[in-house]
């Protein structure tokens, strides 16, 4: 996979894969992110995004509404965007720090990727 600094999606084998890299100094930015109430902002964003996906017909099941969640770490920030039952994005800290997908590929991949992009955008504001 060719490296892209800006977040994007890749397509292949019938799958949509988010490619979202974090700032190199993200660990220094996380405390400021929390101070700025970034966690609450991301949670509110996710709620609005779910409503938008539902109202636009991108998803047609209330199951989607209850089967996604975020996992936070006090020092590392957002570490997992879980799309149940078994997919999501996980923070990968080896090499380029980025979110790596597992068991995604369709509209849930797009949803998780958009959330990851919003999180990275908020981190960039925390210098």
N, C-alpha and C. Protein backbone atom coordinates (compact mmCIF):
# COMPACT_ATOMS: atom_id res chain seq x y z
N UNK A 1 0.85 -1.18 0.00
CA UNK A 1 0.00 0.00 0.00
C UNK A 1 0.89 1.24 0.00
N UNK A 2 0.66 2.15 -0.90
CA UNK A 2 1.41 3.40 -0.97
C UNK A 2 0.99 4.30 0.18
N UNK A 3 1.95 5.00 0.78
CA UNK A 3 1.67 5.85 1.93
C UNK A 3 0.98 7.14 1.51
N UNK A 4 -0.07 7.50 2.22
CA UNK A 4 -0.76 8.78 2.03
C UNK A 4 -0.77 9.50 3.37
N UNK A 5 -0.30 10.73 3.41
CA UNK A 5 -0.28 11.49 4.65
C UNK A 5 -1.68 11.92 5.05
N UNK A 6 -2.48 12.36 4.08
CA UNK A 6 -3.85 12.76 4.36
C UNK A 6 -4.74 11.52 4.38
N UNK A 7 -5.76 11.51 5.23
CA UNK A 7 -6.63 10.33 5.29
C UNK A 7 -7.36 10.12 3.97
N UNK A 8 -7.57 8.87 3.65
CA UNK A 8 -8.23 8.52 2.40
C UNK A 8 -8.83 7.13 2.54
N UNK A 9 -9.43 6.65 1.49
CA UNK A 9 -9.93 5.29 1.42
C UNK A 9 -9.27 4.59 0.24
N UNK A 10 -9.00 3.30 0.40
CA UNK A 10 -8.52 2.49 -0.71
C UNK A 10 -9.59 1.46 -1.04
N UNK A 11 -9.60 1.02 -2.29
CA UNK A 11 -10.61 0.09 -2.76
C UNK A 11 -9.94 -1.12 -3.39
N UNK A 12 -10.44 -2.29 -3.08
CA UNK A 12 -9.90 -3.49 -3.70
C UNK A 12 -10.61 -4.73 -3.20
N UNK A 13 -10.74 -5.71 -4.05
CA UNK A 13 -11.40 -6.97 -3.70
C UNK A 13 -12.79 -6.75 -3.10
N UNK A 14 -13.51 -5.77 -3.61
CA UNK A 14 -14.86 -5.50 -3.14
C UNK A 14 -14.92 -4.88 -1.76
N UNK A 15 -13.81 -4.32 -1.29
CA UNK A 15 -13.75 -3.74 0.04
C UNK A 15 -13.36 -2.27 -0.02
N UNK A 16 -13.78 -1.53 0.99
CA UNK A 16 -13.40 -0.13 1.19
C UNK A 16 -12.57 -0.09 2.47
N UNK A 17 -11.33 0.39 2.37
CA UNK A 17 -10.41 0.36 3.51
C UNK A 17 -10.00 1.79 3.87
N UNK A 18 -10.31 2.24 5.09
CA UNK A 18 -9.83 3.56 5.52
C UNK A 18 -8.31 3.53 5.74
N UNK A 19 -7.64 4.59 5.32
CA UNK A 19 -6.21 4.76 5.55
C UNK A 19 -6.07 6.09 6.30
N UNK A 20 -5.87 6.00 7.63
CA UNK A 20 -5.88 7.19 8.48
C UNK A 20 -4.65 7.16 9.39
N UNK A 21 -3.74 8.09 9.13
CA UNK A 21 -2.51 8.19 9.92
C UNK A 21 -2.64 9.31 10.95
N UNK A 22 -2.07 9.12 12.13
CA UNK A 22 -2.08 10.13 13.18
C UNK A 22 -0.82 10.99 13.09
N UNK A 23 -0.86 12.19 13.69
CA UNK A 23 0.35 13.01 13.73
C UNK A 23 1.47 12.27 14.47
N UNK A 24 2.71 12.47 14.05
CA UNK A 24 3.83 11.79 14.69
C UNK A 24 3.90 12.09 16.18
N UNK A 25 3.52 13.29 16.58
CA UNK A 25 3.56 13.70 17.98
C UNK A 25 2.21 13.55 18.68
N UNK A 26 1.41 12.59 18.24
CA UNK A 26 0.06 12.44 18.77
C UNK A 26 0.03 12.25 20.28
N UNK A 27 1.03 11.56 20.84
CA UNK A 27 1.04 11.33 22.30
C UNK A 27 1.17 12.65 23.06
N UNK A 28 1.84 13.61 22.47
CA UNK A 28 1.95 14.94 23.09
C UNK A 28 0.65 15.72 22.94
N UNK A 29 -0.13 15.41 21.95
CA UNK A 29 -1.37 16.13 21.68
C UNK A 29 -2.56 15.59 22.49
N UNK A 30 -2.51 14.32 22.88
CA UNK A 30 -3.65 13.69 23.55
C UNK A 30 -4.06 14.42 24.83
N UNK A 31 -3.14 14.82 25.74
CA UNK A 31 -3.59 15.53 26.94
C UNK A 31 -4.36 16.81 26.61
N UNK A 32 -3.88 17.56 25.64
CA UNK A 32 -4.58 18.79 25.23
C UNK A 32 -5.94 18.45 24.60
N UNK A 33 -6.00 17.37 23.86
CA UNK A 33 -7.27 16.90 23.28
C UNK A 33 -8.30 16.68 24.38
N UNK A 34 -7.90 15.99 25.44
CA UNK A 34 -8.80 15.75 26.56
C UNK A 34 -9.17 17.05 27.28
N UNK A 35 -8.19 17.95 27.46
CA UNK A 35 -8.46 19.25 28.11
C UNK A 35 -9.50 20.04 27.34
N UNK A 36 -9.45 19.95 26.03
CA UNK A 36 -10.39 20.69 25.17
C UNK A 36 -11.73 19.97 25.04
N UNK A 37 -11.92 18.92 25.83
CA UNK A 37 -13.14 18.11 25.80
C UNK A 37 -13.36 17.47 24.43
N UNK A 38 -12.24 17.05 23.83
CA UNK A 38 -12.31 16.41 22.52
C UNK A 38 -13.06 15.10 22.53
N UNK A 39 -12.95 14.35 23.63
CA UNK A 39 -13.65 13.07 23.72
C UNK A 39 -15.16 13.28 23.61
N UNK A 40 -15.67 14.29 24.31
CA UNK A 40 -17.10 14.58 24.24
C UNK A 40 -17.49 15.05 22.84
N UNK A 41 -16.60 15.82 22.22
CA UNK A 41 -16.88 16.29 20.86
C UNK A 41 -16.96 15.12 19.88
N UNK A 42 -16.05 14.16 20.01
CA UNK A 42 -16.07 13.00 19.12
C UNK A 42 -17.33 12.17 19.37
N UNK A 43 -17.69 12.00 20.63
CA UNK A 43 -18.93 11.24 20.93
C UNK A 43 -20.14 11.91 20.31
N UNK A 44 -20.23 13.23 20.43
CA UNK A 44 -21.36 13.96 19.84
C UNK A 44 -21.33 13.83 18.31
N UNK A 45 -20.15 13.89 17.74
CA UNK A 45 -20.00 13.75 16.29
C UNK A 45 -20.50 12.37 15.84
N UNK A 46 -20.12 11.33 16.58
CA UNK A 46 -20.55 9.97 16.25
C UNK A 46 -22.07 9.86 16.29
N UNK A 47 -22.69 10.45 17.31
CA UNK A 47 -24.16 10.42 17.40
C UNK A 47 -24.79 11.09 16.18
N UNK A 48 -24.27 12.26 15.80
CA UNK A 48 -24.79 12.95 14.63
C UNK A 48 -24.54 12.17 13.35
N UNK A 49 -23.38 11.55 13.26
CA UNK A 49 -23.05 10.75 12.08
C UNK A 49 -23.99 9.56 11.94
N UNK A 50 -24.28 8.90 13.05
CA UNK A 50 -25.22 7.76 13.01
C UNK A 50 -26.58 8.22 12.52
N UNK A 51 -27.05 9.34 13.06
CA UNK A 51 -28.36 9.87 12.63
C UNK A 51 -28.34 10.20 11.15
N UNK A 52 -27.25 10.80 10.70
CA UNK A 52 -27.13 11.15 9.29
C UNK A 52 -27.12 9.92 8.38
N UNK A 53 -26.36 8.90 8.77
CA UNK A 53 -26.32 7.66 7.98
C UNK A 53 -27.70 7.01 7.93
N UNK A 54 -28.40 7.02 9.05
CA UNK A 54 -29.75 6.44 9.09
C UNK A 54 -30.72 7.24 8.23
N UNK A 55 -30.71 8.57 8.38
CA UNK A 55 -31.69 9.39 7.68
C UNK A 55 -31.45 9.44 6.17
N UNK A 56 -30.21 9.26 5.75
CA UNK A 56 -29.89 9.27 4.31
C UNK A 56 -30.10 7.91 3.67
N UNK A 57 -30.44 6.92 4.47
CA UNK A 57 -30.64 5.60 3.92
C UNK A 57 -29.35 4.84 3.65
N UNK A 58 -28.22 5.35 4.17
CA UNK A 58 -26.97 4.63 3.98
C UNK A 58 -26.94 3.34 4.79
N UNK A 59 -27.69 3.35 5.86
CA UNK A 59 -27.88 2.15 6.66
C UNK A 59 -29.37 2.04 6.89
N UNK A 60 -29.86 0.84 6.98
CA UNK A 60 -31.31 0.67 7.09
C UNK A 60 -31.71 -0.12 8.32
N UNK A 61 -30.82 -0.20 9.30
CA UNK A 61 -31.13 -1.00 10.47
C UNK A 61 -30.75 -0.26 11.73
N UNK A 62 -31.65 -0.29 12.71
CA UNK A 62 -31.36 0.29 14.01
C UNK A 62 -30.24 -0.49 14.69
N UNK A 63 -29.98 -1.71 14.21
CA UNK A 63 -28.88 -2.52 14.74
C UNK A 63 -27.56 -1.75 14.64
N UNK A 64 -27.39 -1.01 13.57
CA UNK A 64 -26.18 -0.21 13.40
C UNK A 64 -26.07 0.82 14.51
N UNK A 65 -27.19 1.36 14.93
CA UNK A 65 -27.23 2.39 15.96
C UNK A 65 -26.62 1.91 17.27
N UNK A 66 -26.84 0.66 17.62
CA UNK A 66 -26.36 0.17 18.92
C UNK A 66 -25.09 -0.66 18.81
N UNK A 67 -24.63 -0.96 17.62
CA UNK A 67 -23.50 -1.86 17.46
C UNK A 67 -22.20 -1.18 17.04
N UNK A 68 -21.97 0.00 17.55
CA UNK A 68 -20.68 0.65 17.34
C UNK A 68 -20.31 1.36 18.63
N UNK A 69 -19.02 1.38 18.93
CA UNK A 69 -18.57 2.13 20.09
C UNK A 69 -17.10 2.49 19.97
N UNK A 70 -16.66 3.36 20.86
CA UNK A 70 -15.30 3.86 20.87
C UNK A 70 -14.59 3.38 22.12
N UNK A 71 -13.31 3.06 21.99
CA UNK A 71 -12.50 2.64 23.13
C UNK A 71 -11.39 3.69 23.31
N UNK A 72 -11.30 4.22 24.54
CA UNK A 72 -10.37 5.30 24.84
C UNK A 72 -9.30 4.84 25.83
N UNK A 73 -8.12 5.44 25.71
CA UNK A 73 -7.02 5.22 26.64
C UNK A 73 -6.60 6.60 27.15
N UNK A 74 -6.34 6.70 28.45
CA UNK A 74 -6.00 8.00 29.04
C UNK A 74 -4.75 8.62 28.43
N UNK A 75 -3.79 7.83 28.03
CA UNK A 75 -2.54 8.36 27.51
C UNK A 75 -2.45 8.34 25.98
N UNK A 76 -3.12 7.38 25.36
CA UNK A 76 -3.01 7.23 23.90
C UNK A 76 -4.22 7.75 23.14
N UNK A 77 -5.27 8.14 23.83
CA UNK A 77 -6.46 8.67 23.18
C UNK A 77 -7.34 7.57 22.62
N UNK A 78 -7.94 7.82 21.48
CA UNK A 78 -8.84 6.85 20.85
C UNK A 78 -8.01 5.68 20.31
N UNK A 79 -8.31 4.48 20.79
CA UNK A 79 -7.53 3.32 20.37
C UNK A 79 -8.31 2.35 19.49
N UNK A 80 -9.64 2.37 19.59
CA UNK A 80 -10.45 1.44 18.80
C UNK A 80 -11.78 2.08 18.43
N UNK A 81 -12.16 1.92 17.18
CA UNK A 81 -13.50 2.26 16.71
C UNK A 81 -14.13 0.93 16.37
N UNK A 82 -14.97 0.45 17.25
CA UNK A 82 -15.52 -0.90 17.13
C UNK A 82 -16.84 -0.87 16.38
N UNK A 83 -16.92 -1.72 15.37
CA UNK A 83 -18.15 -1.90 14.60
C UNK A 83 -18.54 -3.36 14.77
N UNK A 84 -19.38 -3.65 15.71
CA UNK A 84 -19.73 -5.03 16.04
C UNK A 84 -20.48 -5.69 14.91
N UNK A 85 -20.46 -6.98 14.82
CA UNK A 85 -20.00 -7.89 15.86
C UNK A 85 -18.49 -8.09 15.90
N UNK A 86 -17.76 -7.93 14.79
CA UNK A 86 -16.35 -8.32 14.86
C UNK A 86 -15.40 -7.40 14.09
N UNK A 87 -15.85 -6.25 13.65
CA UNK A 87 -14.99 -5.40 12.84
C UNK A 87 -14.66 -4.10 13.53
N UNK A 88 -13.73 -3.36 12.94
CA UNK A 88 -13.40 -2.06 13.47
C UNK A 88 -12.07 -1.54 12.98
N UNK A 89 -11.65 -0.45 13.60
CA UNK A 89 -10.34 0.13 13.37
C UNK A 89 -9.59 0.13 14.69
N UNK A 90 -8.34 -0.29 14.67
CA UNK A 90 -7.50 -0.31 15.86
C UNK A 90 -6.29 0.58 15.64
N UNK A 91 -5.86 1.24 16.70
CA UNK A 91 -4.66 2.05 16.65
C UNK A 91 -3.44 1.13 16.54
N UNK A 92 -2.66 1.33 15.51
CA UNK A 92 -1.43 0.56 15.30
C UNK A 92 -0.26 1.50 15.50
N UNK A 93 0.60 1.18 16.47
CA UNK A 93 1.68 2.08 16.83
C UNK A 93 3.06 1.62 16.35
N UNK A 94 3.12 0.56 15.58
CA UNK A 94 4.38 0.10 15.00
C UNK A 94 4.54 0.76 13.64
N UNK A 95 5.67 1.41 13.43
CA UNK A 95 5.87 2.11 12.16
C UNK A 95 5.09 3.41 12.18
N UNK A 96 4.41 3.72 11.07
CA UNK A 96 3.56 4.89 11.03
C UNK A 96 2.36 4.64 11.93
N UNK A 97 2.10 5.58 12.84
CA UNK A 97 0.96 5.43 13.74
C UNK A 97 -0.31 5.70 12.95
N UNK A 98 -1.18 4.69 12.89
CA UNK A 98 -2.39 4.82 12.09
C UNK A 98 -3.46 3.89 12.61
N UNK A 99 -4.66 4.06 12.09
CA UNK A 99 -5.74 3.13 12.39
C UNK A 99 -5.72 2.03 11.33
N UNK A 100 -5.79 0.79 11.77
CA UNK A 100 -5.74 -0.37 10.90
C UNK A 100 -7.08 -1.10 11.01
N UNK A 101 -7.67 -1.43 9.89
CA UNK A 101 -8.98 -2.08 9.89
C UNK A 101 -8.86 -3.57 10.13
N UNK A 102 -9.94 -4.11 10.69
CA UNK A 102 -10.09 -5.56 10.76
C UNK A 102 -11.56 -5.89 10.54
N UNK A 103 -11.80 -6.79 9.61
CA UNK A 103 -13.14 -7.29 9.30
C UNK A 103 -14.12 -6.18 8.92
N UNK A 104 -13.66 -5.23 8.16
CA UNK A 104 -14.55 -4.19 7.64
C UNK A 104 -14.59 -4.32 6.13
N UNK A 105 -15.20 -3.37 5.47
CA UNK A 105 -15.18 -3.41 4.03
C UNK A 105 -16.29 -2.65 3.36
N UNK A 106 -17.44 -2.49 3.97
CA UNK A 106 -18.57 -1.82 3.36
C UNK A 106 -18.87 -0.50 4.02
N UNK A 107 -20.14 -0.23 4.23
CA UNK A 107 -20.56 1.06 4.78
C UNK A 107 -20.04 1.25 6.20
N UNK A 108 -19.87 0.16 6.96
CA UNK A 108 -19.30 0.30 8.30
C UNK A 108 -17.85 0.74 8.24
N UNK A 109 -17.15 0.36 7.20
CA UNK A 109 -15.78 0.81 6.99
C UNK A 109 -15.75 2.32 6.74
N UNK A 110 -16.68 2.80 5.94
CA UNK A 110 -16.78 4.23 5.68
C UNK A 110 -17.08 4.97 6.97
N UNK A 111 -18.04 4.48 7.73
CA UNK A 111 -18.42 5.11 9.00
C UNK A 111 -17.21 5.19 9.93
N UNK A 112 -16.53 4.07 10.15
CA UNK A 112 -15.37 4.05 11.04
C UNK A 112 -14.27 4.97 10.53
N UNK A 113 -14.06 4.99 9.22
CA UNK A 113 -13.04 5.86 8.64
C UNK A 113 -13.34 7.33 8.85
N UNK A 114 -14.59 7.70 8.71
CA UNK A 114 -14.98 9.10 8.92
C UNK A 114 -14.76 9.49 10.38
N UNK A 115 -15.09 8.61 11.31
CA UNK A 115 -14.86 8.89 12.74
C UNK A 115 -13.36 9.06 13.00
N UNK A 116 -12.54 8.17 12.45
CA UNK A 116 -11.09 8.27 12.63
C UNK A 116 -10.56 9.58 12.06
N UNK A 117 -11.07 9.99 10.91
CA UNK A 117 -10.64 11.24 10.29
C UNK A 117 -11.00 12.44 11.16
N UNK A 118 -12.18 12.42 11.73
CA UNK A 118 -12.60 13.50 12.64
C UNK A 118 -11.69 13.55 13.85
N UNK A 119 -11.36 12.40 14.42
CA UNK A 119 -10.47 12.35 15.58
C UNK A 119 -9.10 12.94 15.23
N UNK A 120 -8.53 12.54 14.12
CA UNK A 120 -7.23 13.06 13.72
C UNK A 120 -7.30 14.56 13.49
N UNK A 121 -8.37 15.03 12.90
CA UNK A 121 -8.56 16.47 12.69
C UNK A 121 -8.53 17.20 14.03
N UNK A 122 -9.20 16.66 15.03
CA UNK A 122 -9.22 17.28 16.35
C UNK A 122 -7.84 17.22 17.00
N UNK A 123 -7.09 16.15 16.79
CA UNK A 123 -5.74 16.08 17.34
C UNK A 123 -4.85 17.18 16.76
N UNK A 124 -4.99 17.43 15.46
CA UNK A 124 -4.18 18.46 14.82
C UNK A 124 -4.40 19.83 15.45
N UNK A 125 -5.56 20.07 16.01
CA UNK A 125 -5.87 21.36 16.64
C UNK A 125 -5.20 21.50 18.01
N UNK A 126 -4.63 20.44 18.51
CA UNK A 126 -4.10 20.39 19.88
C UNK A 126 -2.59 20.45 19.92
N UNK A 127 -2.02 21.55 19.46
CA UNK A 127 -0.56 21.65 19.47
C UNK A 127 -0.06 22.31 20.74
